[in-house]
Amino acid sequence: MKKRKGENADDTKQIADGTKQIADDTKQNKKRPE
């Protein structure tokens, strides 16, 4: 069970990283003059 808890934490971190990347992409798109 302890291992599973650690895996869940890793999944949450991956999701957070993915969300951050999407936010960065959105920022870059807004910077474009188009």
C-alpha atoms as a PDB file:
ATOM      1  CA  MET A   1       0.000   0.000   0.000  1.00  0.00           C
ATOM      2  CA  LYS A   2       2.850   2.380   0.782  1.00  0.00           C
ATOM      3  CA  LYS A   3       4.281   1.891  -2.705  1.00  0.00           C
ATOM      4  CA  ARG A   4       0.889   2.641  -4.197  1.00  0.00           C
ATOM      5  CA  LYS A   5       0.701   5.910  -2.246  1.00  0.00           C
ATOM      6  CA  GLY A   6       4.080   6.918  -3.694  1.00  0.00           C
ATOM      7  CA  GLU A   7       2.917   6.045  -7.198  1.00  0.00           C
ATOM      8  CA  ASN A   8      -0.157   8.201  -6.733  1.00  0.00           C
ATOM      9  CA  ALA A   9       2.077  11.088  -5.689  1.00  0.00           C
ATOM     10  CA  ASP A  10       4.144  10.623  -8.859  1.00  0.00           C
ATOM     11  CA  ASP A  11       0.978  10.607 -10.978  1.00  0.00           C
ATOM     12  CA  THR A  12      -0.203  13.813  -9.321  1.00  0.00           C
ATOM     13  CA  LYS A  13       3.171  15.437 -10.007  1.00  0.00           C
ATOM     14  CA  GLN A  14       3.033  14.361 -13.659  1.00  0.00           C
ATOM     15  CA  ILE A  15      -0.466  15.801 -14.011  1.00  0.00           C
ATOM     16  CA  ALA A  16       0.694  19.054 -12.391  1.00  0.00           C
ATOM     17  CA  ASP A  17       3.653  19.215 -14.800  1.00  0.00           C
ATOM     18  CA  GLY A  18       1.339  18.612 -17.756  1.00  0.00           C
ATOM     19  CA  THR A  19      -1.045  21.328 -16.594  1.00  0.00           C
ATOM     20  CA  LYS A  20       1.854  23.753 -16.202  1.00  0.00           C
ATOM     21  CA  GLN A  21       3.071  22.980 -19.721  1.00  0.00           C
ATOM     22  CA  ILE A  22      -0.402  23.637 -21.138  1.00  0.00           C
ATOM     23  CA  ALA A  23      -0.496  26.959 -19.264  1.00  0.00           C
ATOM     24  CA  ASP A  24       2.910  27.871 -20.728  1.00  0.00           C
ATOM     25  CA  ASP A  25       1.708  26.977 -24.237  1.00  0.00           C
ATOM     26  CA  THR A  26      -1.376  29.158 -23.755  1.00  0.00           C
ATOM     27  CA  LYS A  27       0.824  32.071 -22.656  1.00  0.00           C
ATOM     28  CA  GLN A  28       2.994  31.691 -25.761  1.00  0.00           C
ATOM     29  CA  ASN A  29      -0.074  31.631 -27.994  1.00  0.00           C
ATOM     30  CA  LYS A  30      -1.341  34.864 -26.429  1.00  0.00           C
ATOM     31  CA  LYS A  31       2.040  36.534 -27.061  1.00  0.00           C
ATOM     32  CA  ARG A  32       1.692  35.950 -30.812  1.00  0.00           C
ATOM     33  CA  PRO A  33       0.517  39.058 -32.694  1.00  0.00           C
ATOM     34  CA  GLU A  34      -2.004  37.026 -34.704  1.00  0.00           C
END
